[in-house]
Structure formats: structure tokens, C-alpha cells
Amino acid sequence: MTRGKFITFEGGEGSGKSTQVALLAGRLRGAGLSTVVTREPGGTPLGESIRALVLEAEPEPVTELLLFAAARAEHVAKVIRPALAHGTWVVCDRFIDSTRVYQGMLAGVPQNLIEAIEAESVAPHYPDLTFVLDIPAGDALARTQSRGALSRFDAANADYHDRLRQGFLDIARAEPSRCVLLDGTRDPELIADDIWTVVASRLLAGTS
């Protein structure tokens, strides 16, 4: 059986990831491809419990990293790995890059610790393709505030959102073979069209 493909969406708060996840999943299913939509932190009952805990509390950076790592290990073992093995495509709202940015670049957890945990909890199930949605910090703040109830990440100041944006830009530019950087301020349907063009050329070509 042909292995499924693993696509992740990354970016700062309010960048439009959830919208694009849903739009891409709809197109994949419309093309006859079995598709699972999931998110991080979350994706499993344990992961969703950890999500609620971390968004409400404010643990120390290493504690937060380990909680997210536990959620991810469960997610990979029970959702992502089985789906890919059965030929199902997986579309995920956030994955390893969010940990690298939030807990690594912003919170200061050492990179070697993050890499060691990734090696045990993720490898070899790294994304085939990652879309990074980029929006200015001011737009991010406006979008998150318009959503009403704010998580502690949403409610952070403009400097935090700016550093968050830069972290994702750095990853996208460092890994162009995996990451595709997109202007998240554009019309969602136009962004979705660009995403579909990339998916079709990189992952669908030659699969039929």
C-alpha cells in the first residue's frame, strides 16, 4: 500500500492556518484521497487534555516542552503513523516547527534538547510538506483580538508576535525543500489555490 502524505501548517497566532487546513482537506477528499485532519497540541484525548492544561496554565519552558512532547508522542503513535501506513493523507494544524519556535526560539529551551525529543517522538514521521502562513504582528494582534476569548499566546504583546513571526520565517527560509512560505494577508481562497498548486506539483504528480 502506498504511504499517505503528511502536510503541516505553521505560522503565528491568527495567521489563518485552521482555515487553510479545512480548505486543503476538502480538496484532497474531493480528489478521492482519504484524509485525516488533526491539530497540535491535541489530536488524541490525552493531547486535548494537555492542550487545555497548557493554554490555561503557564508552566516553565522545559515543563511546557515535555508536556507538548508527551502529547505529540501519543499523536504520532495513535493517529499520524497509522494513518500514513494505511495510505491516508494527514493534514495537521501545527507540528514540530511550533515547538522549535515557541519553546525554542522564544522561551529559550536548548535546541539540542528539542532535537533529542524529536528523534524519539517523531522520527521518521516528519512532514512531507509544510506551509508557513506569514502575517505582520499588527495583523496577528487584530485577528486574535477579534476572536474574543484569548489564550495567553494570543494575548501576548506586539513584540512577542513579531519575534514569533520571525521564528517561522527563519525556519521557512532554512528549509525550502520542505517549507513553502505564503502571504497570509491575502484572500483565503487565493491562498488555498496557491496551496493546491504546490500540493499537486510536489505530492500528487505521478501518484495517479
C-alpha atoms as a PDB file:
ATOM      1  CA  MET A   1       0.000   0.000   0.000  1.00  0.00           C
ATOM      2  CA  THR A   2       1.277   3.479  -0.895  1.00  0.00           C
ATOM      3  CA  ARG A   3       2.153   5.568   2.147  1.00  0.00           C
ATOM      4  CA  GLY A   4      -0.010   8.606   2.755  1.00  0.00           C
ATOM      5  CA  LYS A   5       1.409  12.114   2.705  1.00  0.00           C
ATOM      6  CA  PHE A   6       1.897  14.308   5.756  1.00  0.00           C
ATOM      7  CA  ILE A   7       1.233  18.057   5.394  1.00  0.00           C
ATOM      8  CA  THR A   8       1.538  20.580   8.211  1.00  0.00           C
ATOM      9  CA  PHE A   9       0.541  24.226   8.555  1.00  0.00           C
ATOM     10  CA  GLU A  10       2.561  26.645  10.656  1.00  0.00           C
ATOM     11  CA  GLY A  11       2.580  30.339  11.483  1.00  0.00           C
ATOM     12  CA  GLY A  12       1.864  32.838  14.208  1.00  0.00           C
ATOM     13  CA  GLU A  13      -1.389  33.383  16.036  1.00  0.00           C
ATOM     14  CA  GLY A  14      -4.226  34.439  13.739  1.00  0.00           C
ATOM     15  CA  SER A  15      -2.357  33.590  10.549  1.00  0.00           C
ATOM     16  CA  GLY A  16      -5.224  31.575   9.062  1.00  0.00           C
ATOM     17  CA  LYS A  17      -3.879  28.053   9.488  1.00  0.00           C
ATOM     18  CA  SER A  18      -7.163  26.444  10.532  1.00  0.00           C
ATOM     19  CA  THR A  19      -8.975  27.910   7.526  1.00  0.00           C
ATOM     20  CA  GLN A  20      -6.380  26.591   5.104  1.00  0.00           C
ATOM     21  CA  VAL A  21      -6.277  23.176   6.775  1.00  0.00           C
ATOM     22  CA  ALA A  22     -10.011  22.814   6.189  1.00  0.00           C
ATOM     23  CA  LEU A  23      -9.853  24.057   2.604  1.00  0.00           C
ATOM     24  CA  LEU A  24      -6.994  21.749   1.663  1.00  0.00           C
ATOM     25  CA  ALA A  25      -8.616  18.729   3.309  1.00  0.00           C
ATOM     26  CA  GLY A  26     -11.769  19.414   1.303  1.00  0.00           C
ATOM     27  CA  ARG A  27      -9.824  19.484  -1.950  1.00  0.00           C
ATOM     28  CA  LEU A  28      -7.922  16.314  -1.114  1.00  0.00           C
ATOM     29  CA  ARG A  29     -11.136  14.483  -0.337  1.00  0.00           C
ATOM     30  CA  GLY A  30     -12.666  15.873  -3.497  1.00  0.00           C
ATOM     31  CA  ALA A  31      -9.759  14.315  -5.383  1.00  0.00           C
ATOM     32  CA  GLY A  32     -10.653  10.946  -3.886  1.00  0.00           C
ATOM     33  CA  LEU A  33      -7.908  10.863  -1.253  1.00  0.00           C
ATOM     34  CA  SER A  34      -8.625   9.577   2.240  1.00  0.00           C
ATOM     35  CA  THR A  35      -7.667  12.456   4.539  1.00  0.00           C
ATOM     36  CA  VAL A  36      -7.374  12.976   8.295  1.00  0.00           C
ATOM     37  CA  VAL A  37      -7.442  16.483   9.776  1.00  0.00           C
ATOM     38  CA  THR A  38      -5.784  16.945  13.142  1.00  0.00           C
ATOM     39  CA  ARG A  39      -4.027  19.534  15.288  1.00  0.00           C
ATOM     40  CA  GLU A  40      -1.367  20.129  17.904  1.00  0.00           C
ATOM     41  CA  PRO A  41      -1.359  20.219  20.765  1.00  0.00           C
ATOM     42  CA  GLY A  42      -4.246  17.783  20.608  1.00  0.00           C
ATOM     43  CA  GLY A  43      -5.280  15.128  18.143  1.00  0.00           C
ATOM     44  CA  THR A  44      -5.979  12.496  20.808  1.00  0.00           C
ATOM     45  CA  PRO A  45      -7.942  12.546  24.094  1.00  0.00           C
ATOM     46  CA  LEU A  46      -4.678  12.818  26.033  1.00  0.00           C
ATOM     47  CA  GLY A  47      -3.382  15.503  23.692  1.00  0.00           C
ATOM     48  CA  GLU A  48      -6.553  17.566  24.031  1.00  0.00           C
ATOM     49  CA  SER A  49      -6.309  17.359  27.822  1.00  0.00           C
ATOM     50  CA  ILE A  50      -2.718  18.579  27.676  1.00  0.00           C
ATOM     51  CA  ARG A  51      -3.774  21.359  25.303  1.00  0.00           C
ATOM     52  CA  ALA A  52      -6.368  22.623  27.778  1.00  0.00           C
ATOM     53  CA  LEU A  53      -3.896  22.435  30.649  1.00  0.00           C
ATOM     54  CA  VAL A  54      -1.079  24.302  28.886  1.00  0.00           C
ATOM     55  CA  LEU A  55      -3.306  27.033  27.439  1.00  0.00           C
ATOM     56  CA  GLU A  56      -4.767  27.785  30.876  1.00  0.00           C
ATOM     57  CA  ALA A  57      -1.607  27.438  32.963  1.00  0.00           C
ATOM     58  CA  GLU A  58       1.810  28.963  32.403  1.00  0.00           C
ATOM     59  CA  PRO A  59       4.357  26.209  33.058  1.00  0.00           C
ATOM     60  CA  GLU A  60       8.101  26.690  32.936  1.00  0.00           C
ATOM     61  CA  PRO A  61       9.533  26.363  29.391  1.00  0.00           C
ATOM     62  CA  VAL A  62      11.043  22.897  29.852  1.00  0.00           C
ATOM     63  CA  THR A  63       7.870  21.669  31.567  1.00  0.00           C
ATOM     64  CA  GLU A  64       5.838  23.030  28.679  1.00  0.00           C
ATOM     65  CA  LEU A  65       8.141  21.351  26.168  1.00  0.00           C
ATOM     66  CA  LEU A  66       7.787  17.982  27.897  1.00  0.00           C
ATOM     67  CA  LEU A  67       4.007  18.275  28.084  1.00  0.00           C
ATOM     68  CA  PHE A  68       3.816  19.070  24.377  1.00  0.00           C
ATOM     69  CA  ALA A  69       6.253  16.237  23.646  1.00  0.00           C
ATOM     70  CA  ALA A  70       4.023  13.785  25.509  1.00  0.00           C
ATOM     71  CA  ALA A  71       1.016  14.950  23.509  1.00  0.00           C
ATOM     72  CA  ARG A  72       2.988  14.649  20.259  1.00  0.00           C
ATOM     73  CA  ALA A  73       4.307  11.164  21.008  1.00  0.00           C
ATOM     74  CA  GLU A  74       0.732   9.994  21.601  1.00  0.00           C
ATOM     75  CA  HIS A  75      -0.454  11.809  18.493  1.00  0.00           C
ATOM     76  CA  VAL A  76       2.187  10.269  16.238  1.00  0.00           C
ATOM     77  CA  ALA A  77       1.701   6.768  17.655  1.00  0.00           C
ATOM     78  CA  LYS A  78      -2.094   6.697  17.613  1.00  0.00           C
ATOM     79  CA  VAL A  79      -3.117   8.991  14.745  1.00  0.00           C
ATOM     80  CA  ILE A  80      -0.364  10.056  12.347  1.00  0.00           C
ATOM     81  CA  ARG A  81       1.676   6.860  11.965  1.00  0.00           C
ATOM     82  CA  PRO A  82      -1.320   4.512  11.498  1.00  0.00           C
ATOM     83  CA  ALA A  83      -2.998   6.873   9.024  1.00  0.00           C
ATOM     84  CA  LEU A  84       0.111   7.233   6.867  1.00  0.00           C
ATOM     85  CA  ALA A  85       0.695   3.473   6.935  1.00  0.00           C
ATOM     86  CA  HIS A  86      -2.822   2.894   5.584  1.00  0.00           C
ATOM     87  CA  GLY A  87      -2.335   5.340   2.725  1.00  0.00           C
ATOM     88  CA  THR A  88      -4.314   8.164   4.343  1.00  0.00           C
ATOM     89  CA  TRP A  89      -3.145  11.743   3.972  1.00  0.00           C
ATOM     90  CA  VAL A  90      -2.688  13.693   7.211  1.00  0.00           C
ATOM     91  CA  VAL A  91      -3.202  17.461   7.375  1.00  0.00           C
ATOM     92  CA  CYS A  92      -2.119  18.924  10.713  1.00  0.00           C
ATOM     93  CA  ASP A  93      -2.560  22.392  12.226  1.00  0.00           C
ATOM     94  CA  ARG A  94       0.888  22.898  13.868  1.00  0.00           C
ATOM     95  CA  PHE A  95       3.599  20.326  14.465  1.00  0.00           C
ATOM     96  CA  ILE A  96       7.351  20.328  15.176  1.00  0.00           C
ATOM     97  CA  ASP A  97       8.043  23.848  13.921  1.00  0.00           C
ATOM     98  CA  SER A  98       5.745  25.358  16.535  1.00  0.00           C
ATOM     99  CA  THR A  99       7.775  23.680  19.262  1.00  0.00           C
ATOM    100  CA  ARG A 100      11.002  24.893  17.684  1.00  0.00           C
ATOM    101  CA  VAL A 101       9.695  28.476  17.666  1.00  0.00           C
ATOM    102  CA  TYR A 102       7.553  28.804  20.809  1.00  0.00           C
ATOM    103  CA  GLN A 103       9.572  26.706  23.237  1.00  0.00           C
ATOM    104  CA  GLY A 104      12.939  27.007  21.481  1.00  0.00           C
ATOM    105  CA  MET A 105      13.460  30.413  19.908  1.00  0.00           C
ATOM    106  CA  LEU A 106      11.077  32.344  22.173  1.00  0.00           C
ATOM    107  CA  ALA A 107      11.256  30.515  25.502  1.00  0.00           C
ATOM    108  CA  GLY A 108      14.929  29.587  25.281  1.00  0.00           C
ATOM    109  CA  VAL A 109      14.805  25.799  25.622  1.00  0.00           C
ATOM    110  CA  PRO A 110      18.122  24.442  24.218  1.00  0.00           C
ATOM    111  CA  GLN A 111      17.923  23.248  20.631  1.00  0.00           C
ATOM    112  CA  ASN A 112      19.758  20.017  21.400  1.00  0.00           C
ATOM    113  CA  LEU A 113      17.055  19.032  23.905  1.00  0.00           C
ATOM    114  CA  ILE A 114      14.306  19.746  21.382  1.00  0.00           C
ATOM    115  CA  GLU A 115      16.148  17.721  18.728  1.00  0.00           C
ATOM    116  CA  ALA A 116      16.676  14.782  21.082  1.00  0.00           C
ATOM    117  CA  ILE A 117      12.984  14.666  21.973  1.00  0.00           C
ATOM    118  CA  GLU A 118      12.008  14.931  18.297  1.00  0.00           C
ATOM    119  CA  ALA A 119      14.255  11.978  17.477  1.00  0.00           C
ATOM    120  CA  GLU A 120      12.362   9.797  19.944  1.00  0.00           C
ATOM    121  CA  SER A 121       8.813  11.073  19.495  1.00  0.00           C
ATOM    122  CA  VAL A 122       8.606  11.998  15.790  1.00  0.00           C
ATOM    123  CA  ALA A 123      11.286  10.341  13.628  1.00  0.00           C
ATOM    124  CA  PRO A 124      10.933   9.159  10.946  1.00  0.00           C
ATOM    125  CA  HIS A 125       7.464  10.685  10.523  1.00  0.00           C
ATOM    126  CA  TYR A 126       8.475  14.202   9.567  1.00  0.00           C
ATOM    127  CA  PRO A 127       6.180  16.276   7.336  1.00  0.00           C
ATOM    128  CA  ASP A 128       6.456  15.836   3.579  1.00  0.00           C
ATOM    129  CA  LEU A 129       5.403  19.448   3.125  1.00  0.00           C
ATOM    130  CA  THR A 130       4.910  22.425   5.457  1.00  0.00           C
ATOM    131  CA  PHE A 131       3.052  25.628   4.619  1.00  0.00           C
ATOM    132  CA  VAL A 132       4.098  28.652   6.671  1.00  0.00           C
ATOM    133  CA  LEU A 133       1.490  31.417   6.691  1.00  0.00           C
ATOM    134  CA  ASP A 134       3.081  34.790   7.320  1.00  0.00           C
ATOM    135  CA  ILE A 135       1.292  37.901   8.594  1.00  0.00           C
ATOM    136  CA  PRO A 136       2.645  41.082  10.224  1.00  0.00           C
ATOM    137  CA  ALA A 137       2.490  41.279  14.005  1.00  0.00           C
ATOM    138  CA  GLY A 138      -0.112  44.048  13.896  1.00  0.00           C
ATOM    139  CA  ASP A 139      -2.434  41.934  11.763  1.00  0.00           C
ATOM    140  CA  ALA A 140      -1.897  38.978  14.088  1.00  0.00           C
ATOM    141  CA  LEU A 141      -2.927  41.047  17.103  1.00  0.00           C
ATOM    142  CA  ALA A 142      -6.008  42.406  15.339  1.00  0.00           C
ATOM    143  CA  ARG A 143      -7.136  38.941  14.257  1.00  0.00           C
ATOM    144  CA  THR A 144      -6.644  37.332  17.652  1.00  0.00           C
ATOM    145  CA  GLN A 145      -8.434  40.161  19.453  1.00  0.00           C
ATOM    146  CA  SER A 146     -11.395  39.858  17.074  1.00  0.00           C
ATOM    147  CA  ARG A 147     -11.816  36.199  18.114  1.00  0.00           C
ATOM    148  CA  GLY A 148     -12.916  37.186  21.611  1.00  0.00           C
ATOM    149  CA  ALA A 149     -11.543  34.843  24.278  1.00  0.00           C
ATOM    150  CA  LEU A 150      -7.756  34.906  24.091  1.00  0.00           C
ATOM    151  CA  SER A 151      -5.235  32.272  25.074  1.00  0.00           C
ATOM    152  CA  ARG A 152      -2.055  33.511  26.753  1.00  0.00           C
ATOM    153  CA  PHE A 153      -0.307  33.173  23.369  1.00  0.00           C
ATOM    154  CA  ASP A 154      -2.978  35.225  21.600  1.00  0.00           C
ATOM    155  CA  ALA A 155      -2.851  37.919  24.255  1.00  0.00           C
ATOM    156  CA  ALA A 156       0.918  38.436  24.102  1.00  0.00           C
ATOM    157  CA  ASN A 157       2.236  41.877  23.134  1.00  0.00           C
ATOM    158  CA  ALA A 158       3.285  43.072  19.686  1.00  0.00           C
ATOM    159  CA  ASP A 159       6.978  42.356  20.321  1.00  0.00           C
ATOM    160  CA  TYR A 160       6.171  38.717  21.098  1.00  0.00           C
ATOM    161  CA  HIS A 161       4.102  38.364  17.919  1.00  0.00           C
ATOM    162  CA  ASP A 162       6.907  39.972  15.919  1.00  0.00           C
ATOM    163  CA  ARG A 163       9.510  37.552  17.298  1.00  0.00           C
ATOM    164  CA  LEU A 164       7.091  34.695  16.690  1.00  0.00           C
ATOM    165  CA  ARG A 165       6.733  35.731  13.072  1.00  0.00           C
ATOM    166  CA  GLN A 166      10.492  35.960  12.655  1.00  0.00           C
ATOM    167  CA  GLY A 167      10.973  32.484  14.082  1.00  0.00           C
ATOM    168  CA  PHE A 168       8.714  30.919  11.481  1.00  0.00           C
ATOM    169  CA  LEU A 169      10.312  32.986   8.708  1.00  0.00           C
ATOM    170  CA  ASP A 170      13.740  31.705   9.761  1.00  0.00           C
ATOM    171  CA  ILE A 171      12.579  28.079   9.586  1.00  0.00           C
ATOM    172  CA  ALA A 172      10.876  28.542   6.213  1.00  0.00           C
ATOM    173  CA  ARG A 173      13.986  30.112   4.714  1.00  0.00           C
ATOM    174  CA  ALA A 174      16.299  27.493   6.218  1.00  0.00           C
ATOM    175  CA  GLU A 175      14.292  24.520   4.883  1.00  0.00           C
ATOM    176  CA  PRO A 176      12.958  25.459   1.425  1.00  0.00           C
ATOM    177  CA  SER A 177      12.742  21.834   0.312  1.00  0.00           C
ATOM    178  CA  ARG A 178      10.063  21.200   2.938  1.00  0.00           C
ATOM    179  CA  CYS A 179       8.601  24.618   3.710  1.00  0.00           C
ATOM    180  CA  VAL A 180       6.570  26.912   1.475  1.00  0.00           C
ATOM    181  CA  LEU A 181       6.159  30.500   2.689  1.00  0.00           C
ATOM    182  CA  LEU A 182       2.831  32.178   1.892  1.00  0.00           C
ATOM    183  CA  ASP A 183       1.465  35.688   2.422  1.00  0.00           C
ATOM    184  CA  GLY A 184      -1.311  35.106   4.959  1.00  0.00           C
ATOM    185  CA  THR A 185      -2.829  38.573   4.455  1.00  0.00           C
ATOM    186  CA  ARG A 186      -4.272  37.644   1.043  1.00  0.00           C
ATOM    187  CA  ASP A 187      -7.784  36.392   0.328  1.00  0.00           C
ATOM    188  CA  PRO A 188      -8.159  32.884   1.804  1.00  0.00           C
ATOM    189  CA  GLU A 189      -9.389  31.407  -1.486  1.00  0.00           C
ATOM    190  CA  LEU A 190      -6.355  32.750  -3.344  1.00  0.00           C
ATOM    191  CA  ILE A 191      -4.052  31.300  -0.706  1.00  0.00           C
ATOM    192  CA  ALA A 192      -5.889  27.974  -0.999  1.00  0.00           C
ATOM    193  CA  ASP A 193      -5.377  27.985  -4.765  1.00  0.00           C
ATOM    194  CA  ASP A 194      -1.639  28.506  -4.310  1.00  0.00           C
ATOM    195  CA  ILE A 195      -1.505  25.710  -1.744  1.00  0.00           C
ATOM    196  CA  TRP A 196      -3.295  23.331  -4.073  1.00  0.00           C
ATOM    197  CA  THR A 197      -0.891  24.168  -6.903  1.00  0.00           C
ATOM    198  CA  VAL A 198       2.077  23.284  -4.682  1.00  0.00           C
ATOM    199  CA  VAL A 199       0.467  20.077  -3.394  1.00  0.00           C
ATOM    200  CA  ALA A 200      -0.410  18.988  -6.911  1.00  0.00           C
ATOM    201  CA  SER A 201       3.087  19.597  -8.254  1.00  0.00           C
ATOM    202  CA  ARG A 202       5.082  18.241  -5.297  1.00  0.00           C
ATOM    203  CA  LEU A 203       2.956  15.427  -3.923  1.00  0.00           C
ATOM    204  CA  LEU A 204       0.270  14.448  -6.411  1.00  0.00           C
ATOM    205  CA  ALA A 205       2.331  14.394  -9.592  1.00  0.00           C
ATOM    206  CA  GLY A 206       2.900  10.799 -10.667  1.00  0.00           C
ATOM    207  CA  THR A 207       0.637   9.297  -7.974  1.00  0.00           C
ATOM    208  CA  SER A 208      -2.324   8.519 -10.234  1.00  0.00           C
END
